[in-house]
Amino acid sequence: MNQQPEQRALRWRLRLIFLYYASYADKNNYKLLKSQNYKRYLIDSESVVEQSGFAPFDIAFRKVHSSSIKLDQFLELLPVIARMLWTIFRTSIQR
């Protein structure tokens, strides 16, 4: 993989975030991000502020896997999350 230094640095930071949340409840787990820890990530990143706001993000997660995802799947999910947040933001400012 021939990445620019900025891309490698970003991937490293995202990997650290993934590792933190993957091991959130199980300190020996560094390979799989479980659904519950994904929800913790969404809360901590302030992507979701209400319980009812989880549904679209949970659906996106479950399209990848029903209970847990790997780092590469997490990285592929981030643009999906970003698009969803942009849609929510755009809708809220149009009101």
C-alpha atoms as a PDB file:
ATOM      1  CA  MET A   1       0.000   0.000   0.000  1.00  0.00           C
ATOM      2  CA  ASN A   2       1.592   3.253  -1.158  1.00  0.00           C
ATOM      3  CA  GLN A   3       0.090   5.911   1.117  1.00  0.00           C
ATOM      4  CA  GLN A   4       1.129   9.479   1.723  1.00  0.00           C
ATOM      5  CA  PRO A   5       2.443  10.329   5.209  1.00  0.00           C
ATOM      6  CA  GLU A   6      -0.805  12.184   6.025  1.00  0.00           C
ATOM      7  CA  GLN A   7      -2.869   9.128   5.074  1.00  0.00           C
ATOM      8  CA  ARG A   8      -0.701   6.847   7.186  1.00  0.00           C
ATOM      9  CA  ALA A   9      -0.965   9.235  10.144  1.00  0.00           C
ATOM     10  CA  LEU A  10      -4.753   9.415   9.816  1.00  0.00           C
ATOM     11  CA  ARG A  11      -5.060   5.642   9.531  1.00  0.00           C
ATOM     12  CA  TRP A  12      -2.877   5.281  12.646  1.00  0.00           C
ATOM     13  CA  ARG A  13      -5.099   7.668  14.631  1.00  0.00           C
ATOM     14  CA  LEU A  14      -8.247   5.893  13.483  1.00  0.00           C
ATOM     15  CA  ARG A  15      -6.667   2.564  14.420  1.00  0.00           C
ATOM     16  CA  LEU A  16      -6.024   3.882  17.936  1.00  0.00           C
ATOM     17  CA  ILE A  17      -9.657   4.946  18.219  1.00  0.00           C
ATOM     18  CA  PHE A  18     -10.755   1.512  17.010  1.00  0.00           C
ATOM     19  CA  LEU A  19      -8.462  -0.242  19.511  1.00  0.00           C
ATOM     20  CA  TYR A  20      -9.738   1.889  22.375  1.00  0.00           C
ATOM     21  CA  TYR A  21     -13.382   1.080  21.674  1.00  0.00           C
ATOM     22  CA  ALA A  22     -12.769  -2.546  20.699  1.00  0.00           C
ATOM     23  CA  SER A  23     -11.122  -3.119  24.075  1.00  0.00           C
ATOM     24  CA  TYR A  24     -13.580  -0.922  26.017  1.00  0.00           C
ATOM     25  CA  ALA A  25     -15.303  -3.751  27.885  1.00  0.00           C
ATOM     26  CA  ASP A  26     -12.814  -6.525  27.119  1.00  0.00           C
ATOM     27  CA  LYS A  27      -9.213  -5.424  27.626  1.00  0.00           C
ATOM     28  CA  ASN A  28      -7.909  -8.403  25.613  1.00  0.00           C
ATOM     29  CA  ASN A  29     -10.005  -7.649  22.527  1.00  0.00           C
ATOM     30  CA  TYR A  30      -8.176  -5.660  19.883  1.00  0.00           C
ATOM     31  CA  LYS A  31      -9.614  -7.179  16.706  1.00  0.00           C
ATOM     32  CA  LEU A  32     -13.382  -6.777  16.847  1.00  0.00           C
ATOM     33  CA  LEU A  33     -15.531  -3.765  17.622  1.00  0.00           C
ATOM     34  CA  LYS A  34     -18.761  -5.023  19.114  1.00  0.00           C
ATOM     35  CA  SER A  35     -22.086  -3.319  18.535  1.00  0.00           C
ATOM     36  CA  GLN A  36     -22.318  -2.072  22.129  1.00  0.00           C
ATOM     37  CA  ASN A  37     -18.855  -0.485  21.951  1.00  0.00           C
ATOM     38  CA  TYR A  38     -19.765   1.073  18.596  1.00  0.00           C
ATOM     39  CA  LYS A  39     -22.684   2.734  20.371  1.00  0.00           C
ATOM     40  CA  ARG A  40     -20.264   3.987  23.043  1.00  0.00           C
ATOM     41  CA  TYR A  41     -18.118   5.476  20.240  1.00  0.00           C
ATOM     42  CA  LEU A  42     -21.161   7.250  18.782  1.00  0.00           C
ATOM     43  CA  ILE A  43     -22.029   8.715  22.190  1.00  0.00           C
ATOM     44  CA  ASP A  44     -18.477   9.802  22.979  1.00  0.00           C
ATOM     45  CA  SER A  45     -18.021  11.395  19.547  1.00  0.00           C
ATOM     46  CA  GLU A  46     -21.362  13.184  20.049  1.00  0.00           C
ATOM     47  CA  SER A  47     -22.668  11.671  16.830  1.00  0.00           C
ATOM     48  CA  VAL A  48     -25.765  10.561  18.716  1.00  0.00           C
ATOM     49  CA  VAL A  49     -27.278  12.588  21.527  1.00  0.00           C
ATOM     50  CA  GLU A  50     -30.632  10.831  22.001  1.00  0.00           C
ATOM     51  CA  GLN A  51     -31.494   7.159  22.317  1.00  0.00           C
ATOM     52  CA  SER A  52     -33.825   7.440  19.332  1.00  0.00           C
ATOM     53  CA  GLY A  53     -30.911   8.656  17.199  1.00  0.00           C
ATOM     54  CA  PHE A  54     -29.176   5.259  17.230  1.00  0.00           C
ATOM     55  CA  ALA A  55     -31.451   3.543  14.721  1.00  0.00           C
ATOM     56  CA  PRO A  56     -29.891   4.700  11.420  1.00  0.00           C
ATOM     57  CA  PHE A  57     -26.348   4.198  12.732  1.00  0.00           C
ATOM     58  CA  ASP A  58     -27.228   0.755  14.050  1.00  0.00           C
ATOM     59  CA  ILE A  59     -28.683  -0.204  10.677  1.00  0.00           C
ATOM     60  CA  ALA A  60     -25.455   0.912   8.974  1.00  0.00           C
ATOM     61  CA  PHE A  61     -23.420  -1.185  11.428  1.00  0.00           C
ATOM     62  CA  ARG A  62     -25.595  -4.260  10.931  1.00  0.00           C
ATOM     63  CA  LYS A  63     -25.272  -4.006   7.150  1.00  0.00           C
ATOM     64  CA  VAL A  64     -21.570  -4.721   7.690  1.00  0.00           C
ATOM     65  CA  HIS A  65     -22.018  -7.388  10.384  1.00  0.00           C
ATOM     66  CA  SER A  66     -24.661  -8.248  12.954  1.00  0.00           C
ATOM     67  CA  SER A  67     -22.520  -8.214  16.111  1.00  0.00           C
ATOM     68  CA  SER A  68     -18.937  -7.026  15.522  1.00  0.00           C
ATOM     69  CA  ILE A  69     -16.658  -5.509  12.889  1.00  0.00           C
ATOM     70  CA  LYS A  70     -12.941  -5.486  12.125  1.00  0.00           C
ATOM     71  CA  LEU A  71     -10.728  -2.422  11.664  1.00  0.00           C
ATOM     72  CA  ASP A  72     -11.067  -2.318   7.872  1.00  0.00           C
ATOM     73  CA  GLN A  73     -14.846  -2.568   8.162  1.00  0.00           C
ATOM     74  CA  PHE A  74     -14.813   0.248  10.730  1.00  0.00           C
ATOM     75  CA  LEU A  75     -12.770   2.407   8.357  1.00  0.00           C
ATOM     76  CA  GLU A  76     -15.266   1.710   5.557  1.00  0.00           C
ATOM     77  CA  LEU A  77     -18.140   2.592   7.886  1.00  0.00           C
ATOM     78  CA  LEU A  78     -16.745   6.034   8.812  1.00  0.00           C
ATOM     79  CA  PRO A  79     -17.668   7.720   5.494  1.00  0.00           C
ATOM     80  CA  VAL A  80     -21.167   6.269   5.827  1.00  0.00           C
ATOM     81  CA  ILE A  81     -21.435   7.783   9.311  1.00  0.00           C
ATOM     82  CA  ALA A  82     -20.127  11.110   7.997  1.00  0.00           C
ATOM     83  CA  ARG A  83     -22.763  11.183   5.234  1.00  0.00           C
ATOM     84  CA  MET A  84     -25.489  10.365   7.746  1.00  0.00           C
ATOM     85  CA  LEU A  85     -24.317  13.146  10.078  1.00  0.00           C
ATOM     86  CA  TRP A  86     -24.204  15.595   7.176  1.00  0.00           C
ATOM     87  CA  THR A  87     -27.776  14.687   6.224  1.00  0.00           C
ATOM     88  CA  ILE A  88     -28.943  15.151   9.816  1.00  0.00           C
ATOM     89  CA  PHE A  89     -27.105  18.481  10.063  1.00  0.00           C
ATOM     90  CA  ARG A  90     -28.394  19.729   6.706  1.00  0.00           C
ATOM     91  CA  THR A  91     -31.962  18.804   7.658  1.00  0.00           C
ATOM     92  CA  SER A  92     -31.680  20.557  11.009  1.00  0.00           C
ATOM     93  CA  ILE A  93     -30.470  23.865   9.513  1.00  0.00           C
ATOM     94  CA  GLN A  94     -33.217  23.855   6.892  1.00  0.00           C
ATOM     95  CA  ARG A  95     -35.907  23.986   9.585  1.00  0.00           C
END
